[in-house]
């Protein structure tokens, strides 16, 4: 998140990735975002970097479904994402009113659909959509045909969702996944959950999560997106070292 989109694209190319995800809307007041929908100069530079490197844009993150939505900003971000070739957008449920949440998910999906973008609801153990069953219920109630579930390896491990639950879903339910590793033990508090999720994850294979089981339970042909914030290591070694380490660890896991 410390890199602008054009710098992220160029680093992805240098370290052997195929695609990137872009954060165009801030998740919290304290986290970075790069609003290409309003920063036209950075948008032009991002287009240039994509053209020069051949890197693709997979997804846009994170559109928070809150009681009050800024649909104009969502629309602008989705339109820019579509211009850059994004096929997926990540949604997070931060609304305790499930009826309103379903309606808002449907509204965002309706905006995304003609742009060729699928919306993906991610479940987080600390939100109203805390597991796979919650996410499936909300999506089905919304009636959105271009909606799926994003499963993150860390959130899966901290939730009540099982590998059998994943296998029971139709393959079309999942469009891509988030891979990372972490200590097997639950942190024991909300503060610990948030810190691990947002600041200190581990490269695949360096923790205790059942990543092989997770990958085996998911469709074979969906993209694997790496969401592995490691703030302390990044401060010490720099973005390039961490980004390269994560890709190499993932390839080693997949090939083993």
C-alpha atoms as a PDB file:
ATOM      1  CA  UNK A   1       0.000   0.000   0.000  1.00  0.00           C
ATOM      2  CA  UNK A   2       3.016   2.323   0.173  1.00  0.00           C
ATOM      3  CA  UNK A   3       3.352   2.237  -3.615  1.00  0.00           C
ATOM      4  CA  UNK A   4       1.340   4.299  -6.069  1.00  0.00           C
ATOM      5  CA  UNK A   5      -0.460   2.299  -8.780  1.00  0.00           C
ATOM      6  CA  UNK A   6       2.153   2.965 -11.492  1.00  0.00           C
ATOM      7  CA  UNK A   7       4.981   2.017  -9.131  1.00  0.00           C
ATOM      8  CA  UNK A   8       3.061  -1.090  -8.033  1.00  0.00           C
ATOM      9  CA  UNK A   9       2.548  -2.123 -11.653  1.00  0.00           C
ATOM     10  CA  UNK A  10       6.227  -1.729 -12.470  1.00  0.00           C
ATOM     11  CA  UNK A  11       7.321  -3.610  -9.367  1.00  0.00           C
ATOM     12  CA  UNK A  12       4.886  -6.426 -10.184  1.00  0.00           C
ATOM     13  CA  UNK A  13       6.492  -6.751 -13.599  1.00  0.00           C
ATOM     14  CA  UNK A  14      10.009  -6.747 -12.156  1.00  0.00           C
ATOM     15  CA  UNK A  15       9.179  -9.463  -9.608  1.00  0.00           C
ATOM     16  CA  UNK A  16       7.292 -11.912 -11.809  1.00  0.00           C
ATOM     17  CA  UNK A  17       3.620 -11.219 -11.184  1.00  0.00           C
ATOM     18  CA  UNK A  18       0.850 -11.253 -13.789  1.00  0.00           C
ATOM     19  CA  UNK A  19      -1.610  -8.757 -12.303  1.00  0.00           C
ATOM     20  CA  UNK A  20      -2.231  -6.253  -9.542  1.00  0.00           C
ATOM     21  CA  UNK A  21      -5.129  -5.095  -7.399  1.00  0.00           C
ATOM     22  CA  UNK A  22      -5.731  -1.374  -6.916  1.00  0.00           C
ATOM     23  CA  UNK A  23      -7.147   0.434  -3.892  1.00  0.00           C
ATOM     24  CA  UNK A  24      -8.989   3.468  -5.216  1.00  0.00           C
ATOM     25  CA  UNK A  25     -11.095   4.215  -2.121  1.00  0.00           C
ATOM     26  CA  UNK A  26      -9.724   4.476   1.419  1.00  0.00           C
ATOM     27  CA  UNK A  27     -10.851   1.749   3.807  1.00  0.00           C
ATOM     28  CA  UNK A  28     -10.211   3.777   6.957  1.00  0.00           C
ATOM     29  CA  UNK A  29      -9.032   7.364   7.537  1.00  0.00           C
ATOM     30  CA  UNK A  30      -5.578   6.015   8.428  1.00  0.00           C
ATOM     31  CA  UNK A  31      -4.965   3.763   5.418  1.00  0.00           C
ATOM     32  CA  UNK A  32      -3.624   4.669   2.014  1.00  0.00           C
ATOM     33  CA  UNK A  33      -5.641   4.819  -1.181  1.00  0.00           C
ATOM     34  CA  UNK A  34      -5.001   6.097  -4.685  1.00  0.00           C
ATOM     35  CA  UNK A  35      -8.145   7.716  -6.129  1.00  0.00           C
ATOM     36  CA  UNK A  36      -7.432   7.416  -9.841  1.00  0.00           C
ATOM     37  CA  UNK A  37     -11.038   8.449 -10.439  1.00  0.00           C
ATOM     38  CA  UNK A  38     -10.058  11.994  -9.451  1.00  0.00           C
ATOM     39  CA  UNK A  39      -6.280  12.014 -10.009  1.00  0.00           C
ATOM     40  CA  UNK A  40      -6.093  12.123 -13.781  1.00  0.00           C
ATOM     41  CA  UNK A  41      -2.314  12.535 -13.927  1.00  0.00           C
ATOM     42  CA  UNK A  42      -1.772   9.350 -11.894  1.00  0.00           C
ATOM     43  CA  UNK A  43      -4.374   7.578 -14.014  1.00  0.00           C
ATOM     44  CA  UNK A  44      -2.422   8.451 -17.165  1.00  0.00           C
ATOM     45  CA  UNK A  45       0.799   7.204 -15.599  1.00  0.00           C
ATOM     46  CA  UNK A  46      -0.907   3.980 -14.499  1.00  0.00           C
ATOM     47  CA  UNK A  47      -2.158   3.373 -18.039  1.00  0.00           C
ATOM     48  CA  UNK A  48       1.370   3.964 -19.324  1.00  0.00           C
ATOM     49  CA  UNK A  49       2.859   1.503 -16.828  1.00  0.00           C
ATOM     50  CA  UNK A  50       0.307  -1.171 -17.741  1.00  0.00           C
ATOM     51  CA  UNK A  51       0.988  -0.721 -21.438  1.00  0.00           C
ATOM     52  CA  UNK A  52       4.750  -0.820 -20.989  1.00  0.00           C
ATOM     53  CA  UNK A  53       4.817  -3.892 -18.741  1.00  0.00           C
ATOM     54  CA  UNK A  54       1.906  -6.040 -19.900  1.00  0.00           C
ATOM     55  CA  UNK A  55       0.692  -6.322 -16.308  1.00  0.00           C
ATOM     56  CA  UNK A  56      -3.100  -6.606 -15.918  1.00  0.00           C
ATOM     57  CA  UNK A  57      -5.446  -5.186 -13.300  1.00  0.00           C
ATOM     58  CA  UNK A  58      -7.395  -8.001 -11.651  1.00  0.00           C
ATOM     59  CA  UNK A  59      -9.458  -6.246  -9.001  1.00  0.00           C
ATOM     60  CA  UNK A  60     -10.428  -3.055  -7.222  1.00  0.00           C
ATOM     61  CA  UNK A  61     -10.641  -2.870  -3.450  1.00  0.00           C
ATOM     62  CA  UNK A  62     -12.277  -2.241  -1.047  1.00  0.00           C
ATOM     63  CA  UNK A  63     -15.824  -0.955  -1.487  1.00  0.00           C
ATOM     64  CA  UNK A  64     -17.307  -0.804   1.999  1.00  0.00           C
ATOM     65  CA  UNK A  65     -21.048  -1.449   2.095  1.00  0.00           C
ATOM     66  CA  UNK A  66     -22.009   0.930   4.885  1.00  0.00           C
ATOM     67  CA  UNK A  67     -25.438   2.259   5.862  1.00  0.00           C
ATOM     68  CA  UNK A  68     -24.754   5.371   3.792  1.00  0.00           C
ATOM     69  CA  UNK A  69     -23.035   4.736   0.459  1.00  0.00           C
ATOM     70  CA  UNK A  70     -21.180   7.201  -1.736  1.00  0.00           C
ATOM     71  CA  UNK A  71     -22.504   5.638  -4.918  1.00  0.00           C
ATOM     72  CA  UNK A  72     -21.082   8.420  -7.078  1.00  0.00           C
ATOM     73  CA  UNK A  73     -17.542   7.636  -5.885  1.00  0.00           C
ATOM     74  CA  UNK A  74     -18.170   3.902  -6.229  1.00  0.00           C
ATOM     75  CA  UNK A  75     -19.400   4.455  -9.792  1.00  0.00           C
ATOM     76  CA  UNK A  76     -16.385   6.586 -10.696  1.00  0.00           C
ATOM     77  CA  UNK A  77     -13.979   4.013  -9.237  1.00  0.00           C
ATOM     78  CA  UNK A  78     -15.664   1.135 -11.061  1.00  0.00           C
ATOM     79  CA  UNK A  79     -15.625   3.053 -14.341  1.00  0.00           C
ATOM     80  CA  UNK A  80     -11.907   3.762 -13.999  1.00  0.00           C
ATOM     81  CA  UNK A  81     -11.290   0.145 -13.057  1.00  0.00           C
ATOM     82  CA  UNK A  82     -13.122  -1.023 -16.150  1.00  0.00           C
ATOM     83  CA  UNK A  83     -11.018   1.351 -18.286  1.00  0.00           C
ATOM     84  CA  UNK A  84      -7.916  -0.318 -16.856  1.00  0.00           C
ATOM     85  CA  UNK A  85      -9.244  -3.819 -17.500  1.00  0.00           C
ATOM     86  CA  UNK A  86     -10.326  -4.872 -13.992  1.00  0.00           C
ATOM     87  CA  UNK A  87     -12.790  -7.759 -13.941  1.00  0.00           C
ATOM     88  CA  UNK A  88     -13.400  -7.959 -10.182  1.00  0.00           C
ATOM     89  CA  UNK A  89     -14.282  -5.627  -7.325  1.00  0.00           C
ATOM     90  CA  UNK A  90     -14.024  -6.476  -3.637  1.00  0.00           C
ATOM     91  CA  UNK A  91     -16.870  -5.594  -1.272  1.00  0.00           C
ATOM     92  CA  UNK A  92     -16.857  -5.549   2.537  1.00  0.00           C
ATOM     93  CA  UNK A  93     -20.019  -5.606   4.634  1.00  0.00           C
ATOM     94  CA  UNK A  94     -20.124  -2.939   7.338  1.00  0.00           C
ATOM     95  CA  UNK A  95     -23.868  -2.675   7.845  1.00  0.00           C
ATOM     96  CA  UNK A  96     -25.747  -4.545  10.593  1.00  0.00           C
ATOM     97  CA  UNK A  97     -29.061  -4.179   8.727  1.00  0.00           C
ATOM     98  CA  UNK A  98     -29.028  -7.198   6.436  1.00  0.00           C
ATOM     99  CA  UNK A  99     -31.945  -6.059   4.321  1.00  0.00           C
ATOM    100  CA  UNK A 100     -30.267  -2.746   3.568  1.00  0.00           C
ATOM    101  CA  UNK A 101     -26.944  -4.541   3.024  1.00  0.00           C
ATOM    102  CA  UNK A 102     -28.533  -6.799   0.395  1.00  0.00           C
ATOM    103  CA  UNK A 103     -30.157  -3.832  -1.334  1.00  0.00           C
ATOM    104  CA  UNK A 104     -26.895  -1.897  -1.432  1.00  0.00           C
ATOM    105  CA  UNK A 105     -24.963  -4.894  -2.729  1.00  0.00           C
ATOM    106  CA  UNK A 106     -27.531  -5.175  -5.527  1.00  0.00           C
ATOM    107  CA  UNK A 107     -27.140  -1.457  -6.342  1.00  0.00           C
ATOM    108  CA  UNK A 108     -23.355  -1.740  -6.615  1.00  0.00           C
ATOM    109  CA  UNK A 109     -23.632  -4.944  -8.652  1.00  0.00           C
ATOM    110  CA  UNK A 110     -26.021  -3.199 -11.058  1.00  0.00           C
ATOM    111  CA  UNK A 111     -23.436  -0.463 -11.603  1.00  0.00           C
ATOM    112  CA  UNK A 112     -20.611  -2.962 -12.077  1.00  0.00           C
ATOM    113  CA  UNK A 113     -22.413  -5.366 -14.402  1.00  0.00           C
ATOM    114  CA  UNK A 114     -22.469  -3.300 -17.636  1.00  0.00           C
ATOM    115  CA  UNK A 115     -18.816  -2.463 -16.995  1.00  0.00           C
ATOM    116  CA  UNK A 116     -17.918  -6.158 -17.124  1.00  0.00           C
ATOM    117  CA  UNK A 117     -17.007  -6.288 -13.427  1.00  0.00           C
ATOM    118  CA  UNK A 118     -18.070  -8.950 -10.941  1.00  0.00           C
ATOM    119  CA  UNK A 119     -18.478  -7.927  -7.309  1.00  0.00           C
ATOM    120  CA  UNK A 120     -17.118 -10.213  -4.598  1.00  0.00           C
ATOM    121  CA  UNK A 121     -18.279 -10.091  -0.989  1.00  0.00           C
ATOM    122  CA  UNK A 122     -15.497 -10.966   1.452  1.00  0.00           C
ATOM    123  CA  UNK A 123     -16.346 -12.304   4.893  1.00  0.00           C
ATOM    124  CA  UNK A 124     -14.478 -11.087   7.983  1.00  0.00           C
ATOM    125  CA  UNK A 125     -14.928 -12.641  11.438  1.00  0.00           C
ATOM    126  CA  UNK A 126     -15.408  -9.202  13.047  1.00  0.00           C
ATOM    127  CA  UNK A 127     -18.250  -8.024  10.764  1.00  0.00           C
ATOM    128  CA  UNK A 128     -21.918  -8.861  10.280  1.00  0.00           C
ATOM    129  CA  UNK A 129     -20.868 -11.124   7.394  1.00  0.00           C
ATOM    130  CA  UNK A 130     -18.565 -13.322   9.437  1.00  0.00           C
ATOM    131  CA  UNK A 131     -18.410 -16.559   7.444  1.00  0.00           C
ATOM    132  CA  UNK A 132     -19.187 -18.193   4.125  1.00  0.00           C
ATOM    133  CA  UNK A 133     -22.808 -18.949   5.034  1.00  0.00           C
ATOM    134  CA  UNK A 134     -23.442 -15.283   5.827  1.00  0.00           C
ATOM    135  CA  UNK A 135     -21.898 -14.155   2.546  1.00  0.00           C
ATOM    136  CA  UNK A 136     -23.852 -16.676   0.474  1.00  0.00           C
ATOM    137  CA  UNK A 137     -27.113 -15.695   2.178  1.00  0.00           C
ATOM    138  CA  UNK A 138     -26.562 -11.994   1.467  1.00  0.00           C
ATOM    139  CA  UNK A 139     -25.568 -12.563  -2.147  1.00  0.00           C
ATOM    140  CA  UNK A 140     -28.510 -14.848  -2.835  1.00  0.00           C
ATOM    141  CA  UNK A 141     -30.916 -12.382  -1.219  1.00  0.00           C
ATOM    142  CA  UNK A 142     -29.507  -9.532  -3.289  1.00  0.00           C
ATOM    143  CA  UNK A 143     -30.395 -11.292  -6.517  1.00  0.00           C
ATOM    144  CA  UNK A 144     -27.170 -10.047  -8.121  1.00  0.00           C
ATOM    145  CA  UNK A 145     -26.032 -12.428 -10.847  1.00  0.00           C
ATOM    146  CA  UNK A 146     -22.560 -10.883 -11.095  1.00  0.00           C
ATOM    147  CA  UNK A 147     -21.756 -11.427  -7.404  1.00  0.00           C
ATOM    148  CA  UNK A 148     -19.509 -13.998  -5.774  1.00  0.00           C
ATOM    149  CA  UNK A 149     -17.643 -14.637  -2.530  1.00  0.00           C
ATOM    150  CA  UNK A 150     -14.018 -13.765  -1.929  1.00  0.00           C
ATOM    151  CA  UNK A 151     -12.352 -16.194   0.479  1.00  0.00           C
ATOM    152  CA  UNK A 152      -9.203 -15.052   2.269  1.00  0.00           C
ATOM    153  CA  UNK A 153      -7.048 -17.794   3.792  1.00  0.00           C
ATOM    154  CA  UNK A 154      -6.620 -15.904   7.064  1.00  0.00           C
ATOM    155  CA  UNK A 155     -10.288 -15.014   7.497  1.00  0.00           C
ATOM    156  CA  UNK A 156     -11.248 -18.572   6.586  1.00  0.00           C
ATOM    157  CA  UNK A 157      -9.044 -19.915   9.364  1.00  0.00           C
ATOM    158  CA  UNK A 158     -10.473 -17.470  11.923  1.00  0.00           C
ATOM    159  CA  UNK A 159     -14.104 -18.113  10.968  1.00  0.00           C
ATOM    160  CA  UNK A 160     -16.512 -21.013  11.476  1.00  0.00           C
ATOM    161  CA  UNK A 161     -16.307 -21.928   7.785  1.00  0.00           C
ATOM    162  CA  UNK A 162     -14.870 -25.356   6.968  1.00  0.00           C
ATOM    163  CA  UNK A 163     -13.177 -26.733   3.883  1.00  0.00           C
ATOM    164  CA  UNK A 164     -16.252 -28.918   3.396  1.00  0.00           C
ATOM    165  CA  UNK A 165     -18.351 -25.740   3.272  1.00  0.00           C
ATOM    166  CA  UNK A 166     -16.150 -24.409   0.470  1.00  0.00           C
ATOM    167  CA  UNK A 167     -16.384 -27.652  -1.476  1.00  0.00           C
ATOM    168  CA  UNK A 168     -20.184 -27.626  -1.202  1.00  0.00           C
ATOM    169  CA  UNK A 169     -20.479 -24.407  -3.209  1.00  0.00           C
ATOM    170  CA  UNK A 170     -20.790 -24.272  -6.996  1.00  0.00           C
ATOM    171  CA  UNK A 171     -17.495 -23.366  -8.644  1.00  0.00           C
ATOM    172  CA  UNK A 172     -18.996 -20.163 -10.046  1.00  0.00           C
ATOM    173  CA  UNK A 173     -19.406 -18.838  -6.518  1.00  0.00           C
ATOM    174  CA  UNK A 174     -15.681 -17.984  -6.426  1.00  0.00           C
ATOM    175  CA  UNK A 175     -13.919 -15.715  -8.944  1.00  0.00           C
ATOM    176  CA  UNK A 176     -10.548 -15.367  -7.195  1.00  0.00           C
ATOM    177  CA  UNK A 177      -9.050 -15.918  -3.744  1.00  0.00           C
ATOM    178  CA  UNK A 178      -6.669 -14.288  -1.272  1.00  0.00           C
ATOM    179  CA  UNK A 179      -3.681 -16.310  -0.145  1.00  0.00           C
ATOM    180  CA  UNK A 180      -1.406 -15.706   2.840  1.00  0.00           C
ATOM    181  CA  UNK A 181      -0.205 -17.550   5.904  1.00  0.00           C
ATOM    182  CA  UNK A 182      -0.349 -16.840   9.626  1.00  0.00           C
ATOM    183  CA  UNK A 183       0.158 -18.483  12.976  1.00  0.00           C
ATOM    184  CA  UNK A 184      -2.324 -21.304  13.477  1.00  0.00           C
ATOM    185  CA  UNK A 185      -3.416 -20.033  16.892  1.00  0.00           C
ATOM    186  CA  UNK A 186      -6.254 -17.510  17.097  1.00  0.00           C
ATOM    187  CA  UNK A 187      -4.945 -14.169  18.427  1.00  0.00           C
ATOM    188  CA  UNK A 188      -7.641 -14.227  21.094  1.00  0.00           C
ATOM    189  CA  UNK A 189      -8.931 -10.670  20.678  1.00  0.00           C
ATOM    190  CA  UNK A 190     -10.388  -8.327  18.095  1.00  0.00           C
ATOM    191  CA  UNK A 191      -7.290  -6.152  18.361  1.00  0.00           C
ATOM    192  CA  UNK A 192      -5.123  -9.171  17.606  1.00  0.00           C
ATOM    193  CA  UNK A 193      -7.295 -10.183  14.658  1.00  0.00           C
ATOM    194  CA  UNK A 194      -7.102  -6.735  13.114  1.00  0.00           C
ATOM    195  CA  UNK A 195      -3.362  -6.358  13.642  1.00  0.00           C
ATOM    196  CA  UNK A 196      -2.627  -9.743  12.082  1.00  0.00           C
ATOM    197  CA  UNK A 197      -4.961  -9.094   9.150  1.00  0.00           C
ATOM    198  CA  UNK A 198      -3.835  -5.552   8.354  1.00  0.00           C
ATOM    199  CA  UNK A 199      -0.184  -5.473   9.383  1.00  0.00           C
ATOM    200  CA  UNK A 200       1.606  -8.760   9.995  1.00  0.00           C
ATOM    201  CA  UNK A 201       0.759 -11.806   7.901  1.00  0.00           C
ATOM    202  CA  UNK A 202       3.244 -14.425   6.715  1.00  0.00           C
ATOM    203  CA  UNK A 203       4.289 -15.709   3.276  1.00  0.00           C
ATOM    204  CA  UNK A 204       2.605 -18.977   2.266  1.00  0.00           C
ATOM    205  CA  UNK A 205       4.312 -21.928   3.909  1.00  0.00           C
ATOM    206  CA  UNK A 206       5.802 -19.959   6.811  1.00  0.00           C
ATOM    207  CA  UNK A 207       2.820 -20.226   9.155  1.00  0.00           C
ATOM    208  CA  UNK A 208       0.369 -22.834  10.363  1.00  0.00           C
ATOM    209  CA  UNK A 209      -2.683 -22.423   8.117  1.00  0.00           C
ATOM    210  CA  UNK A 210      -3.872 -25.365   6.017  1.00  0.00           C
ATOM    211  CA  UNK A 211      -3.160 -23.689   2.692  1.00  0.00           C
ATOM    212  CA  UNK A 212      -2.931 -26.897   0.703  1.00  0.00           C
ATOM    213  CA  UNK A 213      -6.354 -27.900   1.958  1.00  0.00           C
ATOM    214  CA  UNK A 214      -7.697 -24.453   1.142  1.00  0.00           C
ATOM    215  CA  UNK A 215      -6.376 -24.488  -2.419  1.00  0.00           C
ATOM    216  CA  UNK A 216      -7.641 -28.029  -2.963  1.00  0.00           C
ATOM    217  CA  UNK A 217     -11.136 -26.963  -1.890  1.00  0.00           C
ATOM    218  CA  UNK A 218     -11.266 -24.092  -4.386  1.00  0.00           C
ATOM    219  CA  UNK A 219     -11.736 -24.234  -8.173  1.00  0.00           C
ATOM    220  CA  UNK A 220      -8.527 -25.034 -10.028  1.00  0.00           C
ATOM    221  CA  UNK A 221      -8.638 -22.208 -12.532  1.00  0.00           C
ATOM    222  CA  UNK A 222      -9.287 -19.076 -10.461  1.00  0.00           C
ATOM    223  CA  UNK A 223      -6.633 -16.395  -9.912  1.00  0.00           C
ATOM    224  CA  UNK A 224      -4.610 -16.456  -6.706  1.00  0.00           C
ATOM    225  CA  UNK A 225      -4.195 -12.956  -5.299  1.00  0.00           C
ATOM    226  CA  UNK A 226      -1.592 -12.414  -2.603  1.00  0.00           C
ATOM    227  CA  UNK A 227      -2.717 -10.227   0.287  1.00  0.00           C
ATOM    228  CA  UNK A 228       0.206 -10.410   2.684  1.00  0.00           C
ATOM    229  CA  UNK A 229       0.851  -7.162   4.542  1.00  0.00           C
ATOM    230  CA  UNK A 230       4.123  -7.406   6.461  1.00  0.00           C
ATOM    231  CA  UNK A 231       4.762  -3.904   7.683  1.00  0.00           C
ATOM    232  CA  UNK A 232       7.735  -4.583   9.951  1.00  0.00           C
ATOM    233  CA  UNK A 233       9.591  -6.627   7.325  1.00  0.00           C
ATOM    234  CA  UNK A 234       8.794  -4.081   4.637  1.00  0.00           C
ATOM    235  CA  UNK A 235      10.261  -1.288   6.749  1.00  0.00           C
ATOM    236  CA  UNK A 236      13.444  -3.307   7.212  1.00  0.00           C
ATOM    237  CA  UNK A 237      13.915  -4.811   3.754  1.00  0.00           C
ATOM    238  CA  UNK A 238      11.829  -2.702   1.379  1.00  0.00           C
ATOM    239  CA  UNK A 239       8.869  -3.375  -0.871  1.00  0.00           C
ATOM    240  CA  UNK A 240      10.737  -5.247  -3.599  1.00  0.00           C
ATOM    241  CA  UNK A 241      12.200  -7.853  -1.241  1.00  0.00           C
ATOM    242  CA  UNK A 242       8.821  -8.541   0.376  1.00  0.00           C
ATOM    243  CA  UNK A 243       6.895  -8.672  -2.899  1.00  0.00           C
ATOM    244  CA  UNK A 244       9.448 -11.075  -4.398  1.00  0.00           C
ATOM    245  CA  UNK A 245       9.481 -13.252  -1.264  1.00  0.00           C
ATOM    246  CA  UNK A 246       5.691 -13.610  -1.339  1.00  0.00           C
ATOM    247  CA  UNK A 247       5.621 -14.697  -4.974  1.00  0.00           C
ATOM    248  CA  UNK A 248       8.456 -17.175  -4.539  1.00  0.00           C
ATOM    249  CA  UNK A 249       6.874 -18.669  -1.403  1.00  0.00           C
ATOM    250  CA  UNK A 250       3.550 -19.055  -3.213  1.00  0.00           C
ATOM    251  CA  UNK A 251       5.123 -20.799  -6.190  1.00  0.00           C
ATOM    252  CA  UNK A 252       7.000 -23.136  -3.873  1.00  0.00           C
ATOM    253  CA  UNK A 253       3.752 -24.030  -2.071  1.00  0.00           C
ATOM    254  CA  UNK A 254       1.877 -24.661  -5.301  1.00  0.00           C
ATOM    255  CA  UNK A 255       4.630 -26.851  -6.752  1.00  0.00           C
ATOM    256  CA  UNK A 256       5.225 -28.881  -3.590  1.00  0.00           C
END
